[in-house]
Amino acid sequence: MLDEIDNNTWILEPEWPTRSSVMRRIAFGRSASVQIDLDPYHPRALPEYKLMGPDHVINPIRQNIISQLAFWDLEISLLDNLQGLFGTEFAKKPPGGKDSLQFRTECGICYAYRLDGRIPEKACDNPQCLQLFHPVCLYEWLRSLPSCHQSFNTLFGQCPYCSQECSSRATLVNMKKISTN
């Protein structure tokens, strides 16, 4: 089931996918990806998914999901179902299995590719910027700005690269990181 996805898409996480891991983060392109979590007892069923990337890239995919959800077919392959659901083809891994700079973008704040095993997943919404950040790094950055404002569990401020409005939601992971510092 996952072999087809592993062989025909660009898997961002886990770094070394195995059959025992039912989670995959798959690249759509430079700045957008989806994390899927398969049910091991029903591998052809609609998996749980989380879209990651800038709103201008993710919103059309969300709209397609709404219109295509009823067409999920347990008789066709998982890869075909996912591409139909999202309305886009997944990016292919570069030839020779080598990572290219296309998706290996470090966090724009800490300059690390992996932080606690996670790669940057929050992107600036400005189409000219598209800088990627670890969610905890962006949250900390926004928290440090005097001009930052908060609404419930979301911080609003400016992207450190292009100064466009951006936001970061406080998650349990962010809060644990902040409390240990």
Protein backbone atom coordinates (compact mmCIF):
# COMPACT_ATOMS: atom_id res chain seq x y z
CA MET A 1 0.00 0.00 0.00
CA LEU A 2 2.63 2.53 1.06
CA ASP A 3 5.22 1.20 -1.41
CA GLU A 4 3.36 2.91 -4.26
CA ILE A 5 3.42 6.22 -2.39
CA ASP A 6 7.08 5.79 -1.36
CA ASN A 7 8.14 4.99 -4.95
CA ASN A 8 6.08 7.65 -6.77
CA THR A 9 6.12 10.70 -4.50
CA TRP A 10 8.60 12.81 -2.61
CA ILE A 11 8.41 11.67 1.03
CA LEU A 12 9.60 14.41 3.37
CA GLU A 13 8.96 12.53 6.61
CA PRO A 14 9.85 10.06 7.93
CA GLU A 15 13.36 10.56 6.60
CA TRP A 16 13.73 6.79 6.11
CA PRO A 17 10.19 5.43 5.59
CA THR A 18 9.49 1.86 6.63
CA ARG A 19 6.43 -0.30 6.18
CA SER A 20 5.79 -0.22 9.91
CA SER A 21 5.33 3.56 9.86
CA VAL A 22 1.80 4.53 8.77
CA MET A 23 2.57 8.27 8.64
CA ARG A 24 3.96 10.02 5.56
CA ARG A 25 4.53 13.69 4.83
CA ILE A 26 4.37 14.12 1.05
CA ALA A 27 5.50 17.20 -0.91
CA PHE A 28 3.12 18.99 -3.26
CA GLY A 29 5.90 21.37 -4.30
CA ARG A 30 8.45 23.71 -2.74
CA SER A 31 6.25 25.21 -0.07
CA ALA A 32 3.31 22.85 0.48
CA SER A 33 2.90 19.32 1.75
CA VAL A 34 0.41 16.97 3.33
CA GLN A 35 0.85 14.63 6.26
CA ILE A 36 -1.25 11.49 6.04
CA ASP A 37 -1.84 8.92 8.78
CA LEU A 38 -3.23 5.61 7.57
CA ASP A 39 -5.43 3.35 9.62
CA PRO A 40 -3.45 0.06 9.61
CA TYR A 41 -6.68 -1.93 9.91
CA HIS A 42 -8.31 -0.13 6.97
CA PRO A 43 -5.44 1.01 4.72
CA ARG A 44 -7.67 1.86 1.74
CA ALA A 45 -9.95 4.09 3.84
CA LEU A 46 -9.63 7.87 3.78
CA PRO A 47 -6.60 8.63 5.96
CA GLU A 48 -6.34 11.44 8.47
CA TYR A 49 -4.52 14.32 6.80
CA LYS A 50 -3.00 17.68 7.65
CA LEU A 51 -2.25 20.22 4.93
CA MET A 52 0.83 22.39 5.45
CA GLY A 53 1.86 25.47 3.51
CA PRO A 54 0.84 29.02 2.68
CA ASP A 55 -2.87 29.79 2.48
CA HIS A 56 -2.78 30.79 -1.20
CA VAL A 57 -1.51 27.27 -2.05
CA ILE A 58 -3.52 25.28 0.50
CA ASN A 59 -6.94 26.97 0.10
CA PRO A 60 -7.55 25.68 -3.47
CA ILE A 61 -6.61 22.20 -2.29
CA ARG A 62 -9.10 22.51 0.60
CA GLN A 63 -11.81 23.56 -1.84
CA ASN A 64 -11.05 20.53 -4.01
CA ILE A 65 -11.28 18.24 -0.98
CA ILE A 66 -14.79 19.52 -0.28
CA SER A 67 -15.92 18.77 -3.82
CA GLN A 68 -14.10 15.42 -4.18
CA LEU A 69 -14.61 13.79 -0.77
CA ALA A 70 -17.65 11.83 -1.91
CA PHE A 71 -15.62 10.26 -4.76
CA TRP A 72 -13.19 8.36 -2.49
CA ASP A 73 -13.18 4.83 -3.93
CA LEU A 74 -11.96 1.86 -1.88
CA GLU A 75 -11.36 -0.10 -5.10
CA ILE A 76 -8.62 2.15 -6.54
CA SER A 77 -5.13 2.73 -5.23
CA LEU A 78 -4.43 4.99 -2.28
CA LEU A 79 -2.17 7.21 -4.42
CA ASP A 80 -4.85 7.71 -7.10
CA ASN A 81 -7.46 8.46 -4.43
CA LEU A 82 -5.19 11.01 -2.72
CA GLN A 83 -4.33 12.79 -5.98
CA GLY A 84 -8.02 12.93 -6.90
CA LEU A 85 -8.96 14.19 -3.44
CA PHE A 86 -6.33 16.94 -3.41
CA GLY A 87 -6.75 17.76 -7.11
CA THR A 88 -3.02 17.86 -7.73
CA GLU A 89 -0.16 15.49 -8.40
CA PHE A 90 2.48 15.05 -5.76
CA ALA A 91 6.03 16.18 -6.40
CA LYS A 92 8.45 13.47 -7.49
CA LYS A 93 11.72 12.86 -5.67
CA PRO A 94 14.69 14.22 -7.64
CA PRO A 95 16.44 11.69 -9.92
CA GLY A 96 19.00 9.46 -8.27
CA GLY A 97 17.26 9.75 -4.90
CA LYS A 98 19.30 12.81 -4.01
CA ASP A 99 17.64 15.63 -2.13
CA SER A 100 17.74 18.91 -3.95
CA LEU A 101 17.52 22.40 -2.54
CA GLN A 102 13.94 22.60 -3.84
CA PHE A 103 12.45 21.39 -0.57
CA ARG A 104 15.43 21.17 1.79
CA THR A 105 14.89 24.67 3.11
CA GLU A 106 16.09 25.50 6.58
CA CYS A 107 13.93 27.35 9.07
CA GLY A 108 14.23 31.07 8.46
CA ILE A 109 14.66 31.73 12.18
CA CYS A 110 16.86 28.98 13.67
CA TYR A 111 18.51 28.05 10.32
CA ALA A 112 18.18 24.33 11.07
CA TYR A 113 16.50 21.85 8.77
CA ARG A 114 15.40 19.51 11.57
CA LEU A 115 14.37 20.69 15.03
CA ASP A 116 13.45 17.87 17.40
CA GLY A 117 13.04 15.62 14.37
CA ARG A 118 10.60 17.97 12.61
CA ILE A 119 11.21 19.90 9.40
CA PRO A 120 9.88 23.45 8.83
CA GLU A 121 6.17 23.31 8.02
CA LYS A 122 4.84 26.87 8.44
CA ALA A 123 5.30 29.06 5.36
CA CYS A 124 4.89 32.79 4.94
CA ASP A 125 1.70 33.55 2.97
CA ASN A 126 3.43 36.12 0.77
CA PRO A 127 3.88 34.44 -2.67
CA GLN A 128 7.13 36.37 -3.19
CA CYS A 129 8.56 35.22 0.18
CA LEU A 130 7.33 31.68 1.00
CA GLN A 131 10.00 31.39 3.72
CA LEU A 132 9.56 28.25 5.82
CA PHE A 133 9.66 28.10 9.63
CA HIS A 134 9.34 25.57 12.41
CA PRO A 135 6.05 26.44 14.16
CA VAL A 136 7.76 26.80 17.55
CA CYS A 137 10.41 29.15 16.07
CA LEU A 138 7.80 31.38 14.45
CA TYR A 139 5.74 31.40 17.64
CA GLU A 140 8.79 32.49 19.66
CA TRP A 141 9.70 35.12 17.04
CA LEU A 142 6.21 36.62 17.07
CA ARG A 143 6.09 36.53 20.87
CA SER A 144 9.27 38.63 21.00
CA LEU A 145 7.87 41.42 18.80
CA PRO A 146 6.54 44.51 20.61
CA SER A 147 3.96 44.95 17.81
CA CYS A 148 2.66 41.37 18.21
CA HIS A 149 -0.98 40.96 19.16
CA GLN A 150 -2.82 37.88 20.34
CA SER A 151 -6.32 36.55 19.78
CA PHE A 152 -7.12 33.49 21.86
CA ASN A 153 -4.29 31.02 21.11
CA THR A 154 -2.98 32.73 17.95
CA LEU A 155 -0.20 35.30 17.74
CA PHE A 156 -0.14 37.85 14.91
CA GLY A 157 2.90 39.79 13.77
CA GLN A 158 5.24 40.32 10.84
CA CYS A 159 7.27 37.79 8.85
CA PRO A 160 10.96 38.29 9.71
CA TYR A 161 11.83 38.30 5.97
CA CYS A 162 9.17 40.27 4.11
CA SER A 163 7.32 42.04 6.98
CA GLN A 164 3.95 40.77 5.74
CA GLU A 165 1.38 39.83 8.38
CA CYS A 166 1.78 36.25 9.58
CA SER A 167 0.45 34.20 12.47
CA SER A 168 1.29 31.22 14.60
CA ARG A 169 -1.06 29.18 16.71
CA ALA A 170 -0.01 28.13 20.19
CA THR A 171 0.07 24.36 20.31
CA LEU A 172 0.85 22.00 23.14
CA VAL A 173 4.29 21.37 21.57
CA ASN A 174 5.01 25.13 21.42
CA MET A 175 3.95 25.59 25.02
CA LYS A 176 6.16 22.71 26.25
CA LYS A 177 9.16 24.12 24.33
CA ILE A 178 8.61 27.60 25.77
CA SER A 179 8.19 26.37 29.34
CA THR A 180 11.50 24.43 29.22
CA ASN A 181 13.49 27.48 28.04
